[in-house]
């Protein structure tokens, strides 16, 4: 069993990453706005960071961990495939069962008339942020502090533009600056909860580590493909969004090599 401080580090790392959502939303308090093109480029950057983290900080370490446990061969590959599929399926089921709404894609999940649009939007961002917090927690919970730190930095970097995008979107809906900032902050608070659960789970047994890593990867890849990329390609700024994605991907890849 991993020491308690590793689980605590998982919580702190995911908390720090989640709070970067608030940092990103700070400009709205001063009346700063960004163009739709810049917003799509920033969200593309977030997608690139998540994509690189999924492979370099989650799937590859999972293969290494399972190879140490079971040796080379088909078992590590099957664990990676199984974990990625289960992670994607888990987010898909949340999307289908929990009522939520995206500003561009519109309403998804079960129909409801009892929730205001703002809360449907908050639920959508919460579903989005769960895999990110889980990834950071699992990274630390497995005992690899360098990998956990890389994940926390990467997820934190991509949370900043997401926080700004959330706050700007709320302003465009007519909400006040303090309200938009507060909601953006709150959407990041689910990450330390997910991080604590992830770190605690994989610390119980090393057998769970490769599954936890690939589960988080599958969940993030699903979010990238199902939510972020479609959102960034809705306004005719595909080139800016793709440029942002490539910058985020190579930056996260660089951080993983240097810090890991």
C-alpha atoms as a PDB file:
ATOM      1  CA  UNK A   1       0.000   0.000   0.000  1.00  0.00           C
ATOM      2  CA  UNK A   2       1.259   3.439  -0.899  1.00  0.00           C
ATOM      3  CA  UNK A   3       2.021   5.793   1.966  1.00  0.00           C
ATOM      4  CA  UNK A   4      -0.734   8.161   3.033  1.00  0.00           C
ATOM      5  CA  UNK A   5       1.280  11.194   1.959  1.00  0.00           C
ATOM      6  CA  UNK A   6       1.175  10.009  -1.663  1.00  0.00           C
ATOM      7  CA  UNK A   7      -2.618  10.018  -1.553  1.00  0.00           C
ATOM      8  CA  UNK A   8      -2.500  13.464   0.034  1.00  0.00           C
ATOM      9  CA  UNK A   9      -0.196  14.651  -2.738  1.00  0.00           C
ATOM     10  CA  UNK A  10      -2.733  13.365  -5.243  1.00  0.00           C
ATOM     11  CA  UNK A  11      -5.381  15.486  -3.568  1.00  0.00           C
ATOM     12  CA  UNK A  12      -3.149  18.570  -3.445  1.00  0.00           C
ATOM     13  CA  UNK A  13      -2.027  18.141  -7.048  1.00  0.00           C
ATOM     14  CA  UNK A  14      -5.570  17.833  -8.347  1.00  0.00           C
ATOM     15  CA  UNK A  15      -6.655  20.757  -6.141  1.00  0.00           C
ATOM     16  CA  UNK A  16      -3.903  22.958  -7.582  1.00  0.00           C
ATOM     17  CA  UNK A  17      -4.836  21.919 -11.116  1.00  0.00           C
ATOM     18  CA  UNK A  18      -8.511  22.588 -10.448  1.00  0.00           C
ATOM     19  CA  UNK A  19      -7.828  26.028  -8.995  1.00  0.00           C
ATOM     20  CA  UNK A  20      -6.161  27.054 -12.249  1.00  0.00           C
ATOM     21  CA  UNK A  21      -9.716  27.317 -13.558  1.00  0.00           C
ATOM     22  CA  UNK A  22     -10.154  30.266 -11.193  1.00  0.00           C
ATOM     23  CA  UNK A  23      -6.841  31.789 -12.296  1.00  0.00           C
ATOM     24  CA  UNK A  24      -7.937  31.616 -15.915  1.00  0.00           C
ATOM     25  CA  UNK A  25     -11.232  33.350 -15.101  1.00  0.00           C
ATOM     26  CA  UNK A  26      -9.614  36.339 -13.347  1.00  0.00           C
ATOM     27  CA  UNK A  27      -9.542  38.570 -16.491  1.00  0.00           C
ATOM     28  CA  UNK A  28     -13.352  38.750 -16.563  1.00  0.00           C
ATOM     29  CA  UNK A  29     -13.304  40.595 -13.231  1.00  0.00           C
ATOM     30  CA  UNK A  30     -11.460  43.441 -14.998  1.00  0.00           C
ATOM     31  CA  UNK A  31     -13.739  43.455 -18.004  1.00  0.00           C
ATOM     32  CA  UNK A  32     -11.276  41.760 -20.327  1.00  0.00           C
ATOM     33  CA  UNK A  33     -12.796  39.748 -23.143  1.00  0.00           C
ATOM     34  CA  UNK A  34     -11.409  37.541 -25.877  1.00  0.00           C
ATOM     35  CA  UNK A  35     -12.512  36.941 -29.444  1.00  0.00           C
ATOM     36  CA  UNK A  36     -14.232  33.728 -30.487  1.00  0.00           C
ATOM     37  CA  UNK A  37     -11.146  32.851 -32.547  1.00  0.00           C
ATOM     38  CA  UNK A  38      -8.869  33.208 -29.512  1.00  0.00           C
ATOM     39  CA  UNK A  39     -11.301  31.261 -27.380  1.00  0.00           C
ATOM     40  CA  UNK A  40     -11.327  28.366 -29.859  1.00  0.00           C
ATOM     41  CA  UNK A  41      -7.522  28.433 -30.073  1.00  0.00           C
ATOM     42  CA  UNK A  42      -7.235  28.285 -26.262  1.00  0.00           C
ATOM     43  CA  UNK A  43      -9.678  25.411 -26.017  1.00  0.00           C
ATOM     44  CA  UNK A  44      -7.735  23.666 -28.794  1.00  0.00           C
ATOM     45  CA  UNK A  45      -4.620  24.132 -26.648  1.00  0.00           C
ATOM     46  CA  UNK A  46      -6.459  22.480 -23.749  1.00  0.00           C
ATOM     47  CA  UNK A  47      -7.400  19.559 -25.985  1.00  0.00           C
ATOM     48  CA  UNK A  48      -3.795  19.140 -27.101  1.00  0.00           C
ATOM     49  CA  UNK A  49      -2.527  19.040 -23.518  1.00  0.00           C
ATOM     50  CA  UNK A  50      -5.147  16.450 -22.581  1.00  0.00           C
ATOM     51  CA  UNK A  51      -4.380  14.346 -25.644  1.00  0.00           C
ATOM     52  CA  UNK A  52      -0.642  14.257 -24.956  1.00  0.00           C
ATOM     53  CA  UNK A  53      -1.230  13.572 -21.255  1.00  0.00           C
ATOM     54  CA  UNK A  54      -3.507  10.659 -22.141  1.00  0.00           C
ATOM     55  CA  UNK A  55      -0.743   8.875 -24.014  1.00  0.00           C
ATOM     56  CA  UNK A  56       2.562  10.030 -22.527  1.00  0.00           C
ATOM     57  CA  UNK A  57       1.501  10.340 -18.874  1.00  0.00           C
ATOM     58  CA  UNK A  58      -1.220   7.704 -18.625  1.00  0.00           C
ATOM     59  CA  UNK A  59      -1.252   4.979 -21.295  1.00  0.00           C
ATOM     60  CA  UNK A  60       2.533   4.519 -21.600  1.00  0.00           C
ATOM     61  CA  UNK A  61       3.066   4.405 -17.779  1.00  0.00           C
ATOM     62  CA  UNK A  62       0.160   1.948 -17.602  1.00  0.00           C
ATOM     63  CA  UNK A  63       1.883  -0.348 -20.104  1.00  0.00           C
ATOM     64  CA  UNK A  64       5.120  -0.089 -18.123  1.00  0.00           C
ATOM     65  CA  UNK A  65       3.337  -0.907 -14.847  1.00  0.00           C
ATOM     66  CA  UNK A  66       1.426  -3.868 -16.235  1.00  0.00           C
ATOM     67  CA  UNK A  67       4.561  -5.204 -17.960  1.00  0.00           C
ATOM     68  CA  UNK A  68       6.323  -5.231 -14.573  1.00  0.00           C
ATOM     69  CA  UNK A  69       3.389  -7.108 -13.073  1.00  0.00           C
ATOM     70  CA  UNK A  70       2.654  -9.623 -15.842  1.00  0.00           C
ATOM     71  CA  UNK A  71       5.626  -9.525 -18.197  1.00  0.00           C
ATOM     72  CA  UNK A  72       5.637  -8.638 -21.872  1.00  0.00           C
ATOM     73  CA  UNK A  73       2.897  -9.969 -24.089  1.00  0.00           C
ATOM     74  CA  UNK A  74      -0.820  -9.734 -24.566  1.00  0.00           C
ATOM     75  CA  UNK A  75      -1.894  -9.025 -20.965  1.00  0.00           C
ATOM     76  CA  UNK A  76      -0.511  -5.449 -20.741  1.00  0.00           C
ATOM     77  CA  UNK A  77      -2.089  -4.681 -24.118  1.00  0.00           C
ATOM     78  CA  UNK A  78      -5.466  -6.095 -23.033  1.00  0.00           C
ATOM     79  CA  UNK A  79      -5.373  -4.085 -19.793  1.00  0.00           C
ATOM     80  CA  UNK A  80      -4.651  -0.901 -21.742  1.00  0.00           C
ATOM     81  CA  UNK A  81      -7.473  -1.577 -24.190  1.00  0.00           C
ATOM     82  CA  UNK A  82      -9.893  -2.540 -21.429  1.00  0.00           C
ATOM     83  CA  UNK A  83      -9.095   0.501 -19.299  1.00  0.00           C
ATOM     84  CA  UNK A  84      -9.422   2.968 -22.180  1.00  0.00           C
ATOM     85  CA  UNK A  85     -12.748   1.459 -23.279  1.00  0.00           C
ATOM     86  CA  UNK A  86     -14.150   1.497 -19.740  1.00  0.00           C
ATOM     87  CA  UNK A  87     -13.082   5.108 -19.188  1.00  0.00           C
ATOM     88  CA  UNK A  88     -14.706   6.259 -22.422  1.00  0.00           C
ATOM     89  CA  UNK A  89     -17.827   4.223 -21.676  1.00  0.00           C
ATOM     90  CA  UNK A  90     -18.114   5.717 -18.180  1.00  0.00           C
ATOM     91  CA  UNK A  91     -18.136   9.292 -19.531  1.00  0.00           C
ATOM     92  CA  UNK A  92     -20.529   8.266 -22.307  1.00  0.00           C
ATOM     93  CA  UNK A  93     -22.981   6.873 -19.747  1.00  0.00           C
ATOM     94  CA  UNK A  94     -22.731  10.091 -17.732  1.00  0.00           C
ATOM     95  CA  UNK A  95     -23.447  12.092 -20.888  1.00  0.00           C
ATOM     96  CA  UNK A  96     -26.477   9.964 -21.644  1.00  0.00           C
ATOM     97  CA  UNK A  97     -27.946   9.806 -18.143  1.00  0.00           C
ATOM     98  CA  UNK A  98     -27.148  13.175 -16.520  1.00  0.00           C
ATOM     99  CA  UNK A  99     -28.979  16.247 -17.865  1.00  0.00           C
ATOM    100  CA  UNK A 100     -26.526  18.951 -18.942  1.00  0.00           C
ATOM    101  CA  UNK A 101     -26.084  21.616 -21.595  1.00  0.00           C
ATOM    102  CA  UNK A 102     -23.247  22.999 -23.721  1.00  0.00           C
ATOM    103  CA  UNK A 103     -23.325  26.580 -24.962  1.00  0.00           C
ATOM    104  CA  UNK A 104     -22.693  25.477 -28.548  1.00  0.00           C
ATOM    105  CA  UNK A 105     -23.783  21.832 -28.803  1.00  0.00           C
ATOM    106  CA  UNK A 106     -26.898  22.401 -26.738  1.00  0.00           C
ATOM    107  CA  UNK A 107     -28.660  20.053 -24.310  1.00  0.00           C
ATOM    108  CA  UNK A 108     -27.664  16.432 -23.799  1.00  0.00           C
ATOM    109  CA  UNK A 109     -28.623  13.636 -21.425  1.00  0.00           C
ATOM    110  CA  UNK A 110     -32.083  13.135 -19.954  1.00  0.00           C
ATOM    111  CA  UNK A 111     -34.676  15.852 -20.401  1.00  0.00           C
ATOM    112  CA  UNK A 112     -35.490  17.957 -17.361  1.00  0.00           C
ATOM    113  CA  UNK A 113     -37.489  21.091 -16.704  1.00  0.00           C
ATOM    114  CA  UNK A 114     -36.491  21.532 -13.065  1.00  0.00           C
ATOM    115  CA  UNK A 115     -32.925  22.756 -13.621  1.00  0.00           C
ATOM    116  CA  UNK A 116     -31.991  26.216 -14.872  1.00  0.00           C
ATOM    117  CA  UNK A 117     -29.759  26.499 -17.926  1.00  0.00           C
ATOM    118  CA  UNK A 118     -26.826  27.745 -15.850  1.00  0.00           C
ATOM    119  CA  UNK A 119     -26.851  24.604 -13.703  1.00  0.00           C
ATOM    120  CA  UNK A 120     -27.113  22.383 -16.752  1.00  0.00           C
ATOM    121  CA  UNK A 121     -23.985  24.113 -18.038  1.00  0.00           C
ATOM    122  CA  UNK A 122     -22.180  23.677 -14.702  1.00  0.00           C
ATOM    123  CA  UNK A 123     -23.022  19.959 -14.762  1.00  0.00           C
ATOM    124  CA  UNK A 124     -21.536  19.701 -18.265  1.00  0.00           C
ATOM    125  CA  UNK A 125     -18.261  21.269 -17.125  1.00  0.00           C
ATOM    126  CA  UNK A 126     -18.247  19.046 -14.041  1.00  0.00           C
ATOM    127  CA  UNK A 127     -18.536  15.907 -16.187  1.00  0.00           C
ATOM    128  CA  UNK A 128     -15.670  17.298 -18.270  1.00  0.00           C
ATOM    129  CA  UNK A 129     -13.422  17.928 -15.241  1.00  0.00           C
ATOM    130  CA  UNK A 130     -13.865  14.591 -13.446  1.00  0.00           C
ATOM    131  CA  UNK A 131     -11.441  12.676 -15.752  1.00  0.00           C
ATOM    132  CA  UNK A 132      -8.818  15.408 -15.338  1.00  0.00           C
ATOM    133  CA  UNK A 133      -8.840  15.266 -11.556  1.00  0.00           C
ATOM    134  CA  UNK A 134      -8.887  11.482 -11.698  1.00  0.00           C
ATOM    135  CA  UNK A 135      -5.816  11.461 -13.945  1.00  0.00           C
ATOM    136  CA  UNK A 136      -3.791  13.629 -11.550  1.00  0.00           C
ATOM    137  CA  UNK A 137      -4.846  11.585  -8.521  1.00  0.00           C
ATOM    138  CA  UNK A 138      -3.997   8.278 -10.173  1.00  0.00           C
ATOM    139  CA  UNK A 139      -0.652   9.679 -11.310  1.00  0.00           C
ATOM    140  CA  UNK A 140       0.348  10.485  -7.724  1.00  0.00           C
ATOM    141  CA  UNK A 141      -1.378   7.476  -6.146  1.00  0.00           C
ATOM    142  CA  UNK A 142       0.764   5.078  -8.129  1.00  0.00           C
ATOM    143  CA  UNK A 143       3.828   6.397  -6.307  1.00  0.00           C
ATOM    144  CA  UNK A 144       5.418   8.121  -9.313  1.00  0.00           C
ATOM    145  CA  UNK A 145       5.735  11.685  -8.011  1.00  0.00           C
ATOM    146  CA  UNK A 146       7.355  12.947 -11.236  1.00  0.00           C
ATOM    147  CA  UNK A 147       4.513  11.619 -13.363  1.00  0.00           C
ATOM    148  CA  UNK A 148       1.906  13.019 -10.983  1.00  0.00           C
ATOM    149  CA  UNK A 149       3.612  16.410 -11.015  1.00  0.00           C
ATOM    150  CA  UNK A 150       3.734  16.457 -14.816  1.00  0.00           C
ATOM    151  CA  UNK A 151       0.031  15.629 -14.970  1.00  0.00           C
ATOM    152  CA  UNK A 152      -0.831  18.305 -12.395  1.00  0.00           C
ATOM    153  CA  UNK A 153       1.127  20.950 -14.343  1.00  0.00           C
ATOM    154  CA  UNK A 154      -0.350  19.904 -17.679  1.00  0.00           C
ATOM    155  CA  UNK A 155      -3.939  19.702 -16.460  1.00  0.00           C
ATOM    156  CA  UNK A 156      -3.476  23.022 -14.652  1.00  0.00           C
ATOM    157  CA  UNK A 157      -2.214  24.670 -17.844  1.00  0.00           C
ATOM    158  CA  UNK A 158      -5.237  23.532 -19.812  1.00  0.00           C
ATOM    159  CA  UNK A 159      -7.648  24.432 -17.011  1.00  0.00           C
ATOM    160  CA  UNK A 160      -6.716  28.127 -17.235  1.00  0.00           C
ATOM    161  CA  UNK A 161      -8.094  28.703 -20.762  1.00  0.00           C
ATOM    162  CA  UNK A 162     -11.101  26.544 -19.878  1.00  0.00           C
ATOM    163  CA  UNK A 163     -11.840  28.747 -16.872  1.00  0.00           C
ATOM    164  CA  UNK A 164     -11.617  31.846 -19.057  1.00  0.00           C
ATOM    165  CA  UNK A 165     -13.871  30.277 -21.683  1.00  0.00           C
ATOM    166  CA  UNK A 166     -16.485  29.382 -19.064  1.00  0.00           C
ATOM    167  CA  UNK A 167     -16.490  32.879 -17.559  1.00  0.00           C
ATOM    168  CA  UNK A 168     -16.660  34.626 -20.952  1.00  0.00           C
ATOM    169  CA  UNK A 169     -19.518  32.360 -22.035  1.00  0.00           C
ATOM    170  CA  UNK A 170     -21.445  33.214 -18.880  1.00  0.00           C
ATOM    171  CA  UNK A 171     -20.875  36.924 -19.455  1.00  0.00           C
ATOM    172  CA  UNK A 172     -22.279  36.544 -22.954  1.00  0.00           C
ATOM    173  CA  UNK A 173     -25.414  35.031 -21.407  1.00  0.00           C
ATOM    174  CA  UNK A 174     -25.945  38.164 -19.337  1.00  0.00           C
ATOM    175  CA  UNK A 175     -24.510  37.085 -15.986  1.00  0.00           C
ATOM    176  CA  UNK A 176     -22.482  39.532 -13.886  1.00  0.00           C
ATOM    177  CA  UNK A 177     -18.685  39.491 -13.704  1.00  0.00           C
ATOM    178  CA  UNK A 178     -18.518  38.241 -10.072  1.00  0.00           C
ATOM    179  CA  UNK A 179     -21.104  35.553 -10.800  1.00  0.00           C
ATOM    180  CA  UNK A 180     -19.294  34.364 -13.933  1.00  0.00           C
ATOM    181  CA  UNK A 181     -15.995  34.241 -12.025  1.00  0.00           C
ATOM    182  CA  UNK A 182     -17.533  32.354  -9.092  1.00  0.00           C
ATOM    183  CA  UNK A 183     -19.150  29.710 -11.285  1.00  0.00           C
ATOM    184  CA  UNK A 184     -15.885  29.218 -13.207  1.00  0.00           C
ATOM    185  CA  UNK A 185     -14.113  28.674  -9.869  1.00  0.00           C
ATOM    186  CA  UNK A 186     -16.695  26.164  -8.694  1.00  0.00           C
ATOM    187  CA  UNK A 187     -16.403  24.056 -11.836  1.00  0.00           C
ATOM    188  CA  UNK A 188     -12.770  23.304 -10.937  1.00  0.00           C
ATOM    189  CA  UNK A 189     -13.547  22.064  -7.432  1.00  0.00           C
ATOM    190  CA  UNK A 190     -14.693  18.653  -8.644  1.00  0.00           C
ATOM    191  CA  UNK A 191     -11.101  17.854  -9.638  1.00  0.00           C
ATOM    192  CA  UNK A 192      -9.650  17.452  -6.106  1.00  0.00           C
ATOM    193  CA  UNK A 193     -12.585  15.184  -5.208  1.00  0.00           C
ATOM    194  CA  UNK A 194     -11.929  12.988  -8.242  1.00  0.00           C
ATOM    195  CA  UNK A 195      -8.186  13.195  -7.566  1.00  0.00           C
ATOM    196  CA  UNK A 196      -8.600  11.964  -3.999  1.00  0.00           C
ATOM    197  CA  UNK A 197     -10.746   9.045  -5.143  1.00  0.00           C
ATOM    198  CA  UNK A 198      -8.288   8.119  -7.886  1.00  0.00           C
ATOM    199  CA  UNK A 199      -5.234   8.330  -5.653  1.00  0.00           C
ATOM    200  CA  UNK A 200      -6.926   6.351  -2.902  1.00  0.00           C
ATOM    201  CA  UNK A 201      -8.085   3.607  -5.260  1.00  0.00           C
ATOM    202  CA  UNK A 202      -4.733   2.856  -6.883  1.00  0.00           C
ATOM    203  CA  UNK A 203      -2.900   3.138  -3.562  1.00  0.00           C
ATOM    204  CA  UNK A 204      -4.906   0.196  -2.213  1.00  0.00           C
ATOM    205  CA  UNK A 205      -3.293  -2.200  -4.670  1.00  0.00           C
ATOM    206  CA  UNK A 206      -0.703  -1.826  -7.401  1.00  0.00           C
ATOM    207  CA  UNK A 207      -2.838  -4.199  -9.463  1.00  0.00           C
ATOM    208  CA  UNK A 208      -5.300  -1.354  -9.923  1.00  0.00           C
ATOM    209  CA  UNK A 209      -2.669   1.142 -11.130  1.00  0.00           C
ATOM    210  CA  UNK A 210      -2.526   0.193 -14.836  1.00  0.00           C
ATOM    211  CA  UNK A 211      -6.325   0.030 -14.949  1.00  0.00           C
ATOM    212  CA  UNK A 212      -6.670   3.410 -13.260  1.00  0.00           C
ATOM    213  CA  UNK A 213      -4.191   5.086 -15.608  1.00  0.00           C
ATOM    214  CA  UNK A 214      -5.857   3.848 -18.786  1.00  0.00           C
ATOM    215  CA  UNK A 215      -9.360   4.453 -17.404  1.00  0.00           C
ATOM    216  CA  UNK A 216      -8.468   8.125 -16.892  1.00  0.00           C
ATOM    217  CA  UNK A 217      -6.914   8.234 -20.378  1.00  0.00           C
ATOM    218  CA  UNK A 218     -10.013   6.787 -22.023  1.00  0.00           C
ATOM    219  CA  UNK A 219     -12.254   9.242 -20.187  1.00  0.00           C
ATOM    220  CA  UNK A 220     -10.149  12.228 -21.284  1.00  0.00           C
ATOM    221  CA  UNK A 221      -9.896  11.074 -24.907  1.00  0.00           C
ATOM    222  CA  UNK A 222     -13.682  10.740 -25.012  1.00  0.00           C
ATOM    223  CA  UNK A 223     -14.098  14.290 -23.692  1.00  0.00           C
ATOM    224  CA  UNK A 224     -11.605  15.620 -26.273  1.00  0.00           C
ATOM    225  CA  UNK A 225     -13.385  13.986 -29.212  1.00  0.00           C
ATOM    226  CA  UNK A 226     -16.977  14.315 -28.041  1.00  0.00           C
ATOM    227  CA  UNK A 227     -16.932  17.790 -26.502  1.00  0.00           C
ATOM    228  CA  UNK A 228     -13.857  19.981 -26.925  1.00  0.00           C
ATOM    229  CA  UNK A 229     -13.007  19.535 -30.619  1.00  0.00           C
ATOM    230  CA  UNK A 230     -16.634  19.853 -31.814  1.00  0.00           C
ATOM    231  CA  UNK A 231     -17.022  23.009 -29.704  1.00  0.00           C
ATOM    232  CA  UNK A 232     -13.896  24.600 -31.220  1.00  0.00           C
ATOM    233  CA  UNK A 233     -14.914  23.778 -34.803  1.00  0.00           C
ATOM    234  CA  UNK A 234     -18.387  25.310 -34.704  1.00  0.00           C
ATOM    235  CA  UNK A 235     -17.443  28.881 -35.615  1.00  0.00           C
ATOM    236  CA  UNK A 236     -15.146  28.547 -38.625  1.00  0.00           C
ATOM    237  CA  UNK A 237     -11.894  28.794 -36.657  1.00  0.00           C
ATOM    238  CA  UNK A 238     -10.675  25.242 -37.276  1.00  0.00           C
ATOM    239  CA  UNK A 239      -7.153  26.368 -38.199  1.00  0.00           C
ATOM    240  CA  UNK A 240      -6.747  28.384 -34.991  1.00  0.00           C
ATOM    241  CA  UNK A 241      -8.154  25.519 -32.927  1.00  0.00           C
ATOM    242  CA  UNK A 242      -5.872  22.972 -34.606  1.00  0.00           C
ATOM    243  CA  UNK A 243      -2.851  25.240 -34.117  1.00  0.00           C
ATOM    244  CA  UNK A 244      -3.738  25.526 -30.438  1.00  0.00           C
ATOM    245  CA  UNK A 245      -4.098  21.754 -30.191  1.00  0.00           C
ATOM    246  CA  UNK A 246      -0.669  21.150 -31.726  1.00  0.00           C
ATOM    247  CA  UNK A 247       0.971  23.695 -29.404  1.00  0.00           C
ATOM    248  CA  UNK A 248      -0.668  22.113 -26.372  1.00  0.00           C
ATOM    249  CA  UNK A 249       0.312  18.625 -27.487  1.00  0.00           C
ATOM    250  CA  UNK A 250       4.003  19.368 -28.071  1.00  0.00           C
ATOM    251  CA  UNK A 251       4.229  21.453 -24.878  1.00  0.00           C
ATOM    252  CA  UNK A 252       2.798  18.632 -22.769  1.00  0.00           C
ATOM    253  CA  UNK A 253       5.048  16.130 -24.544  1.00  0.00           C
ATOM    254  CA  UNK A 254       8.057  18.336 -23.759  1.00  0.00           C
ATOM    255  CA  UNK A 255       7.063  18.671 -20.089  1.00  0.00           C
ATOM    256  CA  UNK A 256       6.588  14.928 -19.785  1.00  0.00           C
ATOM    257  CA  UNK A 257      10.062  14.200 -21.146  1.00  0.00           C
ATOM    258  CA  UNK A 258      11.791  16.924 -19.119  1.00  0.00           C
ATOM    259  CA  UNK A 259       9.972  16.395 -15.808  1.00  0.00           C
ATOM    260  CA  UNK A 260       9.319  12.681 -16.104  1.00  0.00           C
END
